[in-house]
C-alpha atoms as a PDB file:
ATOM      1  CA  LYS A   1      -6.850  -5.082  32.440  1.00  0.00           C
ATOM      2  CA  LEU A   2      -5.181  -6.328  29.294  1.00  0.00           C
ATOM      3  CA  VAL A   3      -2.579  -9.075  29.380  1.00  0.00           C
ATOM      4  CA  TYR A   4      -0.170  -9.263  26.463  1.00  0.00           C
ATOM      5  CA  ARG A   5       2.546 -11.642  25.395  1.00  0.00           C
ATOM      6  CA  PHE A   6       5.963 -10.068  25.937  1.00  0.00           C
ATOM      7  CA  ILE A   7       7.925 -12.140  23.411  1.00  0.00           C
ATOM      8  CA  ALA A   8       6.132 -11.610  20.104  1.00  0.00           C
ATOM      9  CA  ARG A   9       6.479  -9.651  16.869  1.00  0.00           C
ATOM     10  CA  HIS A  10       3.128  -7.908  17.420  1.00  0.00           C
ATOM     11  CA  PRO A  11       0.606  -7.499  20.232  1.00  0.00           C
ATOM     12  CA  ILE A  12      -1.299 -10.615  21.261  1.00  0.00           C
ATOM     13  CA  VAL A  13      -3.730  -9.425  23.881  1.00  0.00           C
ATOM     14  CA  ALA A  14      -6.254 -10.980  26.249  1.00  0.00           C
ATOM     15  CA  TYR A  15      -8.859  -9.126  28.272  1.00  0.00           C
ATOM     16  CA  ASP A  16      -9.092  -9.998  31.966  1.00  0.00           C
ATOM     17  CA  ASN A  17     -11.926  -8.769  34.155  1.00  0.00           C
ATOM     18  CA  GLN A  18     -11.555 -11.457  36.833  1.00  0.00           C
ATOM     19  CA  GLN A  19      -8.327 -10.297  38.526  1.00  0.00           C
ATOM     20  CA  ARG A  20      -6.288 -13.283  37.395  1.00  0.00           C
ATOM     21  CA  LEU A  21      -2.627 -13.633  38.243  1.00  0.00           C
ATOM     22  CA  CYS A  22      -0.242 -13.144  35.341  1.00  0.00           C
ATOM     23  CA  LEU A  23       2.930 -15.171  34.720  1.00  0.00           C
ATOM     24  CA  ASN A  24       6.235 -13.469  34.035  1.00  0.00           C
ATOM     25  CA  SER A  25       6.063 -14.260  30.288  1.00  0.00           C
ATOM     26  CA  ALA A  26       3.186 -11.804  29.942  1.00  0.00           C
ATOM     27  CA  ASN A  27       2.733  -8.191  30.918  1.00  0.00           C
ATOM     28  CA  ILE A  28      -0.254  -6.185  32.074  1.00  0.00           C
ATOM     29  CA  LEU A  29      -1.596  -2.984  30.567  1.00  0.00           C
ATOM     30  CA  ILE A  30      -4.490  -0.926  31.916  1.00  0.00           C
ATOM     31  CA  PRO A  31      -5.283   1.537  29.138  1.00  0.00           C
ATOM     32  CA  ASP A  32      -7.166   4.765  29.762  1.00  0.00           C
ATOM     33  CA  ILE A  33      -8.264   5.999  26.345  1.00  0.00           C
ATOM     34  CA  GLU A  34     -11.177   8.390  26.213  1.00  0.00           C
ATOM     35  CA  GLY A  35     -14.236   6.875  24.555  1.00  0.00           C
ATOM     36  CA  ILE A  36     -12.755   3.389  24.157  1.00  0.00           C
ATOM     37  CA  PRO A  37     -13.425   0.727  26.820  1.00  0.00           C
ATOM     38  CA  VAL A  38     -10.502  -1.495  27.843  1.00  0.00           C
ATOM     39  CA  ARG A  39     -12.034  -4.546  26.119  1.00  0.00           C
ATOM     40  CA  TRP A  40     -12.235  -2.623  22.842  1.00  0.00           C
ATOM     41  CA  VAL A  41      -8.605  -1.508  23.153  1.00  0.00           C
ATOM     42  CA  GLY A  42      -7.639  -5.178  23.408  1.00  0.00           C
ATOM     43  CA  ALA A  43      -9.646  -5.982  20.288  1.00  0.00           C
ATOM     44  CA  LEU A  44      -8.024  -3.119  18.376  1.00  0.00           C
ATOM     45  CA  LEU A  45      -4.569  -4.344  19.409  1.00  0.00           C
ATOM     46  CA  ASN A  46      -5.444  -7.849  18.165  1.00  0.00           C
ATOM     47  CA  SER A  47      -6.693  -6.591  14.790  1.00  0.00           C
ATOM     48  CA  SER A  48      -4.774  -7.101  11.549  1.00  0.00           C
ATOM     49  CA  LEU A  49      -4.302  -3.347  11.093  1.00  0.00           C
ATOM     50  CA  TYR A  50      -2.590  -2.952  14.473  1.00  0.00           C
ATOM     51  CA  HIS A  51      -0.556  -6.117  13.777  1.00  0.00           C
ATOM     52  CA  PHE A  52       0.645  -4.484  10.544  1.00  0.00           C
ATOM     53  CA  TYR A  53       1.287  -1.089  12.135  1.00  0.00           C
ATOM     54  CA  TYR A  54       3.247  -2.638  15.002  1.00  0.00           C
ATOM     55  CA  ILE A  55       5.596  -4.739  12.857  1.00  0.00           C
ATOM     56  CA  VAL A  56       6.278  -1.797  10.529  1.00  0.00           C
ATOM     57  CA  HIS A  57       7.042   0.698  13.311  1.00  0.00           C
ATOM     58  CA  PHE A  58       8.617  -1.572  15.928  1.00  0.00           C
ATOM     59  CA  PRO A  59      10.821  -4.322  14.438  1.00  0.00           C
ATOM     60  CA  ASP A  60      11.633  -5.825  17.857  1.00  0.00           C
ATOM     61  CA  ILE A  61      10.821  -9.387  18.846  1.00  0.00           C
ATOM     62  CA  LYS A  62       9.425  -8.027  22.092  1.00  0.00           C
ATOM     63  CA  VAL A  63       6.185  -6.159  22.676  1.00  0.00           C
ATOM     64  CA  LEU A  64       7.218  -3.235  24.818  1.00  0.00           C
ATOM     65  CA  LYS A  65       4.859  -1.105  26.870  1.00  0.00           C
ATOM     66  CA  ARG A  66       6.413   2.108  25.557  1.00  0.00           C
ATOM     67  CA  ASN A  67       5.697   0.937  21.995  1.00  0.00           C
ATOM     68  CA  LEU A  68       2.081   0.155  22.858  1.00  0.00           C
ATOM     69  CA  GLN A  69       1.748   3.624  24.349  1.00  0.00           C
ATOM     70  CA  GLN A  70       2.831   5.145  21.023  1.00  0.00           C
ATOM     71  CA  LEU A  71       0.126   3.422  18.986  1.00  0.00           C
ATOM     72  CA  PRO A  72      -2.571   5.680  17.534  1.00  0.00           C
ATOM     73  CA  PHE A  73      -6.112   5.169  18.763  1.00  0.00           C
ATOM     74  CA  PRO A  74      -9.059   6.707  16.956  1.00  0.00           C
ATOM     75  CA  LYS A  75     -11.585   9.173  18.270  1.00  0.00           C
ATOM     76  CA  LEU A  76     -14.804   7.316  17.548  1.00  0.00           C
ATOM     77  CA  ASP A  77     -18.088   8.858  16.491  1.00  0.00           C
ATOM     78  CA  ASP A  78     -21.371   7.287  17.619  1.00  0.00           C
ATOM     79  CA  ARG A  79     -21.729   5.026  14.563  1.00  0.00           C
ATOM     80  CA  GLN A  80     -18.129   3.806  14.872  1.00  0.00           C
ATOM     81  CA  GLN A  81     -18.646   3.079  18.568  1.00  0.00           C
ATOM     82  CA  GLN A  82     -21.749   1.059  17.765  1.00  0.00           C
ATOM     83  CA  CYS A  83     -20.013  -0.924  15.006  1.00  0.00           C
ATOM     84  CA  LEU A  84     -16.867  -1.581  17.043  1.00  0.00           C
ATOM     85  CA  GLY A  85     -18.879  -2.560  20.108  1.00  0.00           C
ATOM     86  CA  MET A  86     -20.904  -5.043  18.056  1.00  0.00           C
ATOM     87  CA  ALA A  87     -17.778  -6.543  16.452  1.00  0.00           C
ATOM     88  CA  VAL A  88     -15.942  -6.843  19.784  1.00  0.00           C
ATOM     89  CA  GLY A  89     -19.012  -8.412  21.377  1.00  0.00           C
ATOM     90  CA  LYS A  90     -19.172 -10.993  18.588  1.00  0.00           C
ATOM     91  CA  VAL A  91     -15.499 -11.951  19.105  1.00  0.00           C
ATOM     92  CA  TYR A  92     -15.975 -12.338  22.858  1.00  0.00           C
ATOM     93  CA  GLU A  93     -19.258 -14.248  22.527  1.00  0.00           C
ATOM     94  CA  GLU A  94     -18.280 -16.567  19.664  1.00  0.00           C
ATOM     95  CA  GLY A  95     -14.531 -16.740  20.131  1.00  0.00           C
ATOM     96  CA  ALA A  96     -11.944 -15.785  17.561  1.00  0.00           C
ATOM     97  CA  SER A  97     -13.649 -17.477  14.631  1.00  0.00           C
ATOM     98  CA  ARG A  98     -12.758 -16.563  11.059  1.00  0.00           C
ATOM     99  CA  GLU A  99     -16.092 -14.759  10.764  1.00  0.00           C
ATOM    100  CA  SER A 100     -15.849 -12.738  13.991  1.00  0.00           C
ATOM    101  CA  VAL A 101     -12.207 -11.754  13.435  1.00  0.00           C
ATOM    102  CA  GLY A 102     -13.022 -10.832   9.823  1.00  0.00           C
ATOM    103  CA  LEU A 103     -15.843  -8.569  11.027  1.00  0.00           C
ATOM    104  CA  LEU A 104     -13.564  -6.932  13.594  1.00  0.00           C
ATOM    105  CA  ASP A 105     -10.912  -6.312  10.934  1.00  0.00           C
ATOM    106  CA  LYS A 106     -13.513  -4.830   8.579  1.00  0.00           C
ATOM    107  CA  VAL A 107     -14.750  -2.435  11.258  1.00  0.00           C
ATOM    108  CA  VAL A 108     -11.198  -1.377  12.212  1.00  0.00           C
ATOM    109  CA  PHE A 109     -10.232  -0.827   8.563  1.00  0.00           C
ATOM    110  CA  ASP A 110     -13.400   1.223   8.044  1.00  0.00           C
ATOM    111  CA  ILE A 111     -12.708   3.367  11.130  1.00  0.00           C
ATOM    112  CA  PHE A 112      -9.317   4.318   9.723  1.00  0.00           C
ATOM    113  CA  GLY A 113     -10.584   4.725   6.138  1.00  0.00           C
ATOM    114  CA  ILE A 114      -8.371   1.950   4.739  1.00  0.00           C
ATOM    115  CA  THR A 115      -9.132   1.168   1.073  1.00  0.00           C
ATOM    116  CA  ASP A 116      -9.583  -2.342  -0.357  1.00  0.00           C
ATOM    117  CA  ALA A 117      -6.153  -2.170  -2.011  1.00  0.00           C
ATOM    118  CA  GLU A 118      -4.554  -1.112   1.271  1.00  0.00           C
ATOM    119  CA  ARG A 119      -6.379  -3.919   3.099  1.00  0.00           C
ATOM    120  CA  SER A 120      -4.979  -6.450   0.644  1.00  0.00           C
ATOM    121  CA  TYR A 121      -1.487  -5.051   1.196  1.00  0.00           C
ATOM    122  CA  VAL A 122      -1.880  -5.287   4.986  1.00  0.00           C
ATOM    123  CA  TYR A 123      -2.990  -8.933   4.768  1.00  0.00           C
ATOM    124  CA  ARG A 124      -0.134  -9.808   2.415  1.00  0.00           C
ATOM    125  CA  ARG A 125       2.404  -8.044   4.618  1.00  0.00           C
ATOM    126  CA  ILE A 126       1.339  -9.811   7.814  1.00  0.00           C
ATOM    127  CA  GLY A 127       1.038 -13.147   5.992  1.00  0.00           C
ATOM    128  CA  THR A 128      -2.651 -13.851   6.405  1.00  0.00           C
ATOM    129  CA  THR A 129      -5.497 -14.283   3.973  1.00  0.00           C
ATOM    130  CA  GLU A 130      -8.178 -11.652   3.591  1.00  0.00           C
ATOM    131  CA  GLU A 131     -11.184 -12.295   5.739  1.00  0.00           C
END
């Protein structure tokens, strides 16, 4: 399952595969997206591109389940699956280091065909530096 912070401007998601109990300040989501494992969905939701997309389309200060259900998820080809799986694995093995998060962002941007100029705009808009 995915656990996400309810009060936030964009999704902040954690993956739980140990059946932990969740406090009332967080919600649970169990996504069922063809070709994308739950852990990968969590990584996509934590990426800079999804951060950007969420704040542009949903200006609330709450992360609502119905908004998460409206987010677009890609249909991945074999190469994209391999790249995303490797990037997600690196984040989970090494933690959310600058390097691992930067790799995840790069893979997500590449999946959606986001240009360098568009990447710079996304980073400026969400208030982070390019990885």
